[in-house]
Amino acid sequence: VVPGMTRVVQAAGRLIRSPEDTGVIALFDQRFLHAPYRHYLPGDWFPEEGTSALVGDPARAAEEFFRMIGMRQP
């Protein structure tokens, strides 16, 4: 589990390099929400308590994210 999860976090780190960078990191597997996988992911990747990290339509969620921050989707 550890080597694979290290690669997941490193791959995401290639997207976000500085505070000015903006992007969407999408993990398409519910296993990432549960132990042991979630333990290896940064805590700030998950929403606050009482909200869901699951998204029914990832493409629409990404589009809404870029619209919300006022950035054209790449």
PDB file of N, CA and C in Angstrom:
ATOM      1  N   VAL A   1       0.823  -1.202   0.000  1.00  0.00           N
ATOM      2  CA  VAL A   1       0.000   0.000   0.000  1.00  0.00           C
ATOM      3  C   VAL A   1       0.864   1.261   0.000  1.00  0.00           C
ATOM      4  N   VAL A   2       1.914   1.277   0.812  1.00  0.00           N
ATOM      5  CA  VAL A   2       2.717   2.495   0.980  1.00  0.00           C
ATOM      6  C   VAL A   2       3.357   2.977  -0.326  1.00  0.00           C
ATOM      7  N   PRO A   3       4.058   2.130  -1.084  1.00  0.00           N
ATOM      8  CA  PRO A   3       4.668   2.653  -2.317  1.00  0.00           C
ATOM      9  C   PRO A   3       3.637   3.213  -3.299  1.00  0.00           C
ATOM     10  N   GLY A   4       2.506   2.547  -3.416  1.00  0.00           N
ATOM     11  CA  GLY A   4       1.467   3.022  -4.333  1.00  0.00           C
ATOM     12  C   GLY A   4       0.879   4.350  -3.902  1.00  0.00           C
ATOM     13  N   MET A   5       0.635   4.508  -2.620  1.00  0.00           N
ATOM     14  CA  MET A   5       0.061   5.753  -2.121  1.00  0.00           C
ATOM     15  C   MET A   5       1.068   6.896  -2.199  1.00  0.00           C
ATOM     16  N   THR A   6       2.328   6.588  -2.018  1.00  0.00           N
ATOM     17  CA  THR A   6       3.367   7.607  -2.185  1.00  0.00           C
ATOM     18  C   THR A   6       3.342   8.128  -3.612  1.00  0.00           C
ATOM     19  N   ARG A   7       3.169   7.244  -4.566  1.00  0.00           N
ATOM     20  CA  ARG A   7       3.109   7.655  -5.981  1.00  0.00           C
ATOM     21  C   ARG A   7       1.872   8.504  -6.269  1.00  0.00           C
ATOM     22  N   VAL A   8       0.750   8.166  -5.647  1.00  0.00           N
ATOM     23  CA  VAL A   8      -0.475   8.952  -5.829  1.00  0.00           C
ATOM     24  C   VAL A   8      -0.246  10.388  -5.361  1.00  0.00           C
ATOM     25  N   VAL A   9       0.308  10.553  -4.177  1.00  0.00           N
ATOM     26  CA  VAL A   9       0.542  11.889  -3.622  1.00  0.00           C
ATOM     27  C   VAL A   9       1.592  12.640  -4.445  1.00  0.00           C
ATOM     28  N   GLN A  10       2.634  11.956  -4.887  1.00  0.00           N
ATOM     29  CA  GLN A  10       3.659  12.600  -5.718  1.00  0.00           C
ATOM     30  C   GLN A  10       3.078  13.058  -7.051  1.00  0.00           C
ATOM     31  N   ALA A  11       2.232  12.245  -7.653  1.00  0.00           N
ATOM     32  CA  ALA A  11       1.612  12.620  -8.929  1.00  0.00           C
ATOM     33  C   ALA A  11       0.748  13.867  -8.750  1.00  0.00           C
ATOM     34  N   ALA A  12       0.005  13.928  -7.675  1.00  0.00           N
ATOM     35  CA  ALA A  12      -0.817  15.109  -7.401  1.00  0.00           C
ATOM     36  C   ALA A  12       0.064  16.329  -7.165  1.00  0.00           C
ATOM     37  N   GLY A  13       1.200  16.133  -6.542  1.00  0.00           N
ATOM     38  CA  GLY A  13       2.125  17.231  -6.286  1.00  0.00           C
ATOM     39  C   GLY A  13       2.689  17.843  -7.552  1.00  0.00           C
ATOM     40  N   ARG A  14       2.683  17.107  -8.623  1.00  0.00           N
ATOM     41  CA  ARG A  14       3.153  17.652  -9.906  1.00  0.00           C
ATOM     42  C   ARG A  14       2.162  18.662 -10.474  1.00  0.00           C
ATOM     43  N   LEU A  15       0.910  18.563 -10.057  1.00  0.00           N
ATOM     44  CA  LEU A  15      -0.116  19.505 -10.501  1.00  0.00           C
ATOM     45  C   LEU A  15      -0.029  20.814  -9.715  1.00  0.00           C
ATOM     46  N   ILE A  16       0.135  20.712  -8.424  1.00  0.00           N
ATOM     47  CA  ILE A  16       0.150  21.879  -7.544  1.00  0.00           C
ATOM     48  C   ILE A  16       1.567  22.076  -7.019  1.00  0.00           C
ATOM     49  N   ARG A  17       2.279  23.037  -7.592  1.00  0.00           N
ATOM     50  CA  ARG A  17       3.676  23.288  -7.218  1.00  0.00           C
ATOM     51  C   ARG A  17       3.855  24.531  -6.359  1.00  0.00           C
ATOM     52  N   SER A  18       2.935  25.489  -6.486  1.00  0.00           N
ATOM     53  CA  SER A  18       3.069  26.738  -5.734  1.00  0.00           C
ATOM     54  C   SER A  18       1.685  27.198  -5.279  1.00  0.00           C
ATOM     55  N   PRO A  19       1.626  28.153  -4.355  1.00  0.00           N
ATOM     56  CA  PRO A  19       0.327  28.650  -3.886  1.00  0.00           C
ATOM     57  C   PRO A  19      -0.525  29.264  -5.000  1.00  0.00           C
ATOM     58  N   GLU A  20       0.100  29.686  -6.082  1.00  0.00           N
ATOM     59  CA  GLU A  20      -0.643  30.294  -7.187  1.00  0.00           C
ATOM     60  C   GLU A  20      -1.236  29.253  -8.136  1.00  0.00           C
ATOM     61  N   ASP A  21      -0.784  28.015  -8.064  1.00  0.00           N
ATOM     62  CA  ASP A  21      -1.272  26.962  -8.954  1.00  0.00           C
ATOM     63  C   ASP A  21      -2.682  26.536  -8.558  1.00  0.00           C
ATOM     64  N   THR A  22      -3.470  26.213  -9.564  1.00  0.00           N
ATOM     65  CA  THR A  22      -4.840  25.767  -9.352  1.00  0.00           C
ATOM     66  C   THR A  22      -5.077  24.544 -10.211  1.00  0.00           C
ATOM     67  N   GLY A  23      -5.761  23.568  -9.662  1.00  0.00           N
ATOM     68  CA  GLY A  23      -6.057  22.375 -10.437  1.00  0.00           C
ATOM     69  C   GLY A  23      -7.022  21.473  -9.701  1.00  0.00           C
ATOM     70  N   VAL A  24      -7.374  20.398 -10.347  1.00  0.00           N
ATOM     71  CA  VAL A  24      -8.293  19.415  -9.782  1.00  0.00           C
ATOM     72  C   VAL A  24      -7.574  18.084  -9.694  1.00  0.00           C
ATOM     73  N   ILE A  25      -7.585  17.513  -8.516  1.00  0.00           N
ATOM     74  CA  ILE A  25      -7.030  16.179  -8.300  1.00  0.00           C
ATOM     75  C   ILE A  25      -8.216  15.258  -8.091  1.00  0.00           C
ATOM     76  N   ALA A  26      -8.412  14.306  -8.977  1.00  0.00           N
ATOM     77  CA  ALA A  26      -9.555  13.395  -8.895  1.00  0.00           C
ATOM     78  C   ALA A  26      -9.058  11.966  -8.714  1.00  0.00           C
ATOM     79  N   LEU A  27      -9.508  11.338  -7.651  1.00  0.00           N
ATOM     80  CA  LEU A  27      -9.182   9.942  -7.373  1.00  0.00           C
ATOM     81  C   LEU A  27     -10.463   9.141  -7.592  1.00  0.00           C
ATOM     82  N   PHE A  28     -10.495   8.340  -8.638  1.00  0.00           N
ATOM     83  CA  PHE A  28     -11.715   7.653  -9.050  1.00  0.00           C
ATOM     84  C   PHE A  28     -11.841   6.260  -8.448  1.00  0.00           C
ATOM     85  N   ASP A  29     -11.795   6.185  -7.145  1.00  0.00           N
ATOM     86  CA  ASP A  29     -11.973   4.900  -6.472  1.00  0.00           C
ATOM     87  C   ASP A  29     -12.349   5.177  -5.024  1.00  0.00           C
ATOM     88  N   GLN A  30     -13.416   4.584  -4.548  1.00  0.00           N
ATOM     89  CA  GLN A  30     -13.880   4.837  -3.187  1.00  0.00           C
ATOM     90  C   GLN A  30     -12.911   4.328  -2.131  1.00  0.00           C
ATOM     91  N   ARG A  31     -11.983   3.471  -2.505  1.00  0.00           N
ATOM     92  CA  ARG A  31     -10.999   2.981  -1.529  1.00  0.00           C
ATOM     93  C   ARG A  31     -10.207   4.123  -0.905  1.00  0.00           C
ATOM     94  N   PHE A  32     -10.000   5.197  -1.661  1.00  0.00           N
ATOM     95  CA  PHE A  32      -9.229   6.325  -1.136  1.00  0.00           C
ATOM     96  C   PHE A  32      -9.918   7.015   0.039  1.00  0.00           C
ATOM     97  N   LEU A  33     -11.200   6.748   0.243  1.00  0.00           N
ATOM     98  CA  LEU A  33     -11.945   7.364   1.342  1.00  0.00           C
ATOM     99  C   LEU A  33     -11.793   6.614   2.657  1.00  0.00           C
ATOM    100  N   HIS A  34     -11.223   5.413   2.606  1.00  0.00           N
ATOM    101  CA  HIS A  34     -11.196   4.540   3.780  1.00  0.00           C
ATOM    102  C   HIS A  34      -9.777   4.075   4.106  1.00  0.00           C
ATOM    103  N   ALA A  35      -9.619   3.580   5.339  1.00  0.00           N
ATOM    104  CA  ALA A  35      -8.334   3.005   5.770  1.00  0.00           C
ATOM    105  C   ALA A  35      -8.045   1.765   4.929  1.00  0.00           C
ATOM    106  N   PRO A  36      -6.791   1.492   4.659  1.00  0.00           N
ATOM    107  CA  PRO A  36      -5.611   2.241   5.071  1.00  0.00           C
ATOM    108  C   PRO A  36      -5.259   3.371   4.114  1.00  0.00           C
ATOM    109  N   TYR A  37      -5.923   3.447   2.967  1.00  0.00           N
ATOM    110  CA  TYR A  37      -5.534   4.396   1.925  1.00  0.00           C
ATOM    111  C   TYR A  37      -5.642   5.854   2.368  1.00  0.00           C
ATOM    112  N   ARG A  38      -6.760   6.211   2.993  1.00  0.00           N
ATOM    113  CA  ARG A  38      -6.982   7.614   3.375  1.00  0.00           C
ATOM    114  C   ARG A  38      -5.891   8.113   4.322  1.00  0.00           C
ATOM    115  N   HIS A  39      -5.374   7.238   5.142  1.00  0.00           N
ATOM    116  CA  HIS A  39      -4.332   7.601   6.107  1.00  0.00           C
ATOM    117  C   HIS A  39      -3.097   8.198   5.411  1.00  0.00           C
ATOM    118  N   TYR A  40      -2.827   7.787   4.190  1.00  0.00           N
ATOM    119  CA  TYR A  40      -1.627   8.231   3.471  1.00  0.00           C
ATOM    120  C   TYR A  40      -1.846   9.498   2.646  1.00  0.00           C
ATOM    121  N   LEU A  41      -3.071   9.997   2.599  1.00  0.00           N
ATOM    122  CA  LEU A  41      -3.373  11.203   1.830  1.00  0.00           C
ATOM    123  C   LEU A  41      -3.364  12.422   2.748  1.00  0.00           C
ATOM    124  N   PRO A  42      -2.955  13.580   2.227  1.00  0.00           N
ATOM    125  CA  PRO A  42      -2.957  14.799   3.045  1.00  0.00           C
ATOM    126  C   PRO A  42      -4.365  15.112   3.569  1.00  0.00           C
ATOM    127  N   GLY A  43      -4.461  15.487   4.822  1.00  0.00           N
ATOM    128  CA  GLY A  43      -5.750  15.777   5.437  1.00  0.00           C
ATOM    129  C   GLY A  43      -6.521  16.887   4.756  1.00  0.00           C
ATOM    130  N   ASP A  44      -5.815  17.859   4.174  1.00  0.00           N
ATOM    131  CA  ASP A  44      -6.522  18.973   3.533  1.00  0.00           C
ATOM    132  C   ASP A  44      -7.104  18.606   2.168  1.00  0.00           C
ATOM    133  N   TRP A  45      -6.929  17.364   1.744  1.00  0.00           N
ATOM    134  CA  TRP A  45      -7.572  16.901   0.519  1.00  0.00           C
ATOM    135  C   TRP A  45      -9.038  16.568   0.748  1.00  0.00           C
ATOM    136  N   PHE A  46      -9.442  16.475   1.989  1.00  0.00           N
ATOM    137  CA  PHE A  46     -10.797  16.060   2.308  1.00  0.00           C
ATOM    138  C   PHE A  46     -11.591  17.239   2.835  1.00  0.00           C
ATOM    139  N   PRO A  47     -12.885  17.279   2.493  1.00  0.00           N
ATOM    140  CA  PRO A  47     -13.720  18.383   2.976  1.00  0.00           C
ATOM    141  C   PRO A  47     -13.881  18.330   4.490  1.00  0.00           C
ATOM    142  N   GLU A  48     -14.410  19.403   5.017  1.00  0.00           N
ATOM    143  CA  GLU A  48     -14.638  19.476   6.458  1.00  0.00           C
ATOM    144  C   GLU A  48     -15.623  18.399   6.893  1.00  0.00           C
ATOM    145  N   GLU A  49     -15.598  18.095   8.169  1.00  0.00           N
ATOM    146  CA  GLU A  49     -16.497  17.104   8.747  1.00  0.00           C
ATOM    147  C   GLU A  49     -17.944  17.447   8.398  1.00  0.00           C
ATOM    148  N   GLY A  50     -18.716  16.446   8.065  1.00  0.00           N
ATOM    149  CA  GLY A  50     -20.125  16.666   7.764  1.00  0.00           C
ATOM    150  C   GLY A  50     -20.415  16.888   6.293  1.00  0.00           C
ATOM    151  N   THR A  51     -19.368  16.933   5.458  1.00  0.00           N
ATOM    152  CA  THR A  51     -19.583  17.052   4.016  1.00  0.00           C
ATOM    153  C   THR A  51     -19.033  15.804   3.349  1.00  0.00           C
ATOM    154  N   SER A  52     -19.376  15.619   2.104  1.00  0.00           N
ATOM    155  CA  SER A  52     -18.975  14.408   1.398  1.00  0.00           C
ATOM    156  C   SER A  52     -17.836  14.683   0.431  1.00  0.00           C
ATOM    157  N   ALA A  53     -16.918  13.733   0.341  1.00  0.00           N
ATOM    158  CA  ALA A  53     -15.826  13.833  -0.623  1.00  0.00           C
ATOM    159  C   ALA A  53     -16.222  13.170  -1.941  1.00  0.00           C
ATOM    160  N   LEU A  54     -17.382  12.527  -1.961  1.00  0.00           N
ATOM    161  CA  LEU A  54     -17.835  11.856  -3.174  1.00  0.00           C
ATOM    162  C   LEU A  54     -18.503  12.854  -4.107  1.00  0.00           C
ATOM    163  N   VAL A  55     -18.249  12.701  -5.391  1.00  0.00           N
ATOM    164  CA  VAL A  55     -18.841  13.569  -6.403  1.00  0.00           C
ATOM    165  C   VAL A  55     -19.538  12.679  -7.415  1.00  0.00           C
ATOM    166  N   GLY A  56     -20.805  12.947  -7.670  1.00  0.00           N
ATOM    167  CA  GLY A  56     -21.565  12.137  -8.611  1.00  0.00           C
ATOM    168  C   GLY A  56     -21.100  12.315 -10.053  1.00  0.00           C
ATOM    169  N   ASP A  57     -20.778  13.530 -10.438  1.00  0.00           N
ATOM    170  CA  ASP A  57     -20.359  13.830 -11.808  1.00  0.00           C
ATOM    171  C   ASP A  57     -19.041  14.609 -11.745  1.00  0.00           C
ATOM    172  N   PRO A  58     -17.903  13.902 -11.792  1.00  0.00           N
ATOM    173  CA  PRO A  58     -16.603  14.572 -11.645  1.00  0.00           C
ATOM    174  C   PRO A  58     -16.349  15.674 -12.669  1.00  0.00           C
ATOM    175  N   ALA A  59     -16.758  15.472 -13.915  1.00  0.00           N
ATOM    176  CA  ALA A  59     -16.523  16.496 -14.941  1.00  0.00           C
ATOM    177  C   ALA A  59     -17.284  17.771 -14.602  1.00  0.00           C
ATOM    178  N   ARG A  60     -18.516  17.626 -14.184  1.00  0.00           N
ATOM    179  CA  ARG A  60     -19.315  18.798 -13.821  1.00  0.00           C
ATOM    180  C   ARG A  60     -18.740  19.479 -12.576  1.00  0.00           C
ATOM    181  N   ALA A  61     -18.274  18.694 -11.612  1.00  0.00           N
ATOM    182  CA  ALA A  61     -17.680  19.259 -10.395  1.00  0.00           C
ATOM    183  C   ALA A  61     -16.422  20.058 -10.735  1.00  0.00           C
ATOM    184  N   ALA A  62     -15.597  19.540 -11.640  1.00  0.00           N
ATOM    185  CA  ALA A  62     -14.386  20.259 -12.056  1.00  0.00           C
ATOM    186  C   ALA A  62     -14.755  21.550 -12.777  1.00  0.00           C
ATOM    187  N   GLU A  63     -15.745  21.471 -13.652  1.00  0.00           N
ATOM    188  CA  GLU A  63     -16.200  22.658 -14.373  1.00  0.00           C
ATOM    189  C   GLU A  63     -16.702  23.726 -13.397  1.00  0.00           C
ATOM    190  N   GLU A  64     -17.480  23.311 -12.415  1.00  0.00           N
ATOM    191  CA  GLU A  64     -17.994  24.245 -11.407  1.00  0.00           C
ATOM    192  C   GLU A  64     -16.855  24.846 -10.582  1.00  0.00           C
ATOM    193  N   PHE A  65     -15.852  24.038 -10.259  1.00  0.00           N
ATOM    194  CA  PHE A  65     -14.694  24.532  -9.512  1.00  0.00           C
ATOM    195  C   PHE A  65     -14.003  25.650 -10.280  1.00  0.00           C
ATOM    196  N   PHE A  66     -13.728  25.419 -11.561  1.00  0.00           N
ATOM    197  CA  PHE A  66     -13.038  26.435 -12.353  1.00  0.00           C
ATOM    198  C   PHE A  66     -13.911  27.676 -12.532  1.00  0.00           C
ATOM    199  N   ARG A  67     -15.197  27.494 -12.668  1.00  0.00           N
ATOM    200  CA  ARG A  67     -16.106  28.635 -12.779  1.00  0.00           C
ATOM    201  C   ARG A  67     -16.097  29.435 -11.468  1.00  0.00           C
ATOM    202  N   MET A  68     -16.111  28.726 -10.343  1.00  0.00           N
ATOM    203  CA  MET A  68     -16.144  29.370  -9.030  1.00  0.00           C
ATOM    204  C   MET A  68     -14.903  30.237  -8.795  1.00  0.00           C
ATOM    205  N   ILE A  69     -13.752  29.789  -9.258  1.00  0.00           N
ATOM    206  CA  ILE A  69     -12.531  30.572  -9.039  1.00  0.00           C
ATOM    207  C   ILE A  69     -12.275  31.564 -10.173  1.00  0.00           C
ATOM    208  N   GLY A  70     -13.200  31.600 -11.147  1.00  0.00           N
ATOM    209  CA  GLY A  70     -13.084  32.562 -12.232  1.00  0.00           C
ATOM    210  C   GLY A  70     -12.002  32.234 -13.233  1.00  0.00           C
ATOM    211  N   MET A  71     -11.793  30.962 -13.463  1.00  0.00           N
ATOM    212  CA  MET A  71     -10.740  30.521 -14.383  1.00  0.00           C
ATOM    213  C   MET A  71     -11.355  29.654 -15.475  1.00  0.00           C
ATOM    214  N   ARG A  72     -10.935  29.892 -16.697  1.00  0.00           N
ATOM    215  CA  ARG A  72     -11.396  29.042 -17.791  1.00  0.00           C
ATOM    216  C   ARG A  72     -10.821  27.655 -17.641  1.00  0.00           C
ATOM    217  N   GLN A  73     -11.664  26.662 -17.823  1.00  0.00           N
ATOM    218  CA  GLN A  73     -11.211  25.276 -17.698  1.00  0.00           C
ATOM    219  C   GLN A  73     -10.221  24.963 -18.807  1.00  0.00           C
ATOM    220  N   PRO A  74      -9.093  24.322 -18.443  1.00  0.00           N
ATOM    221  CA  PRO A  74      -8.085  23.989 -19.455  1.00  0.00           C
ATOM    222  C   PRO A  74      -8.594  22.955 -20.439  1.00  0.00           C
TER     223      PRO A  74
END
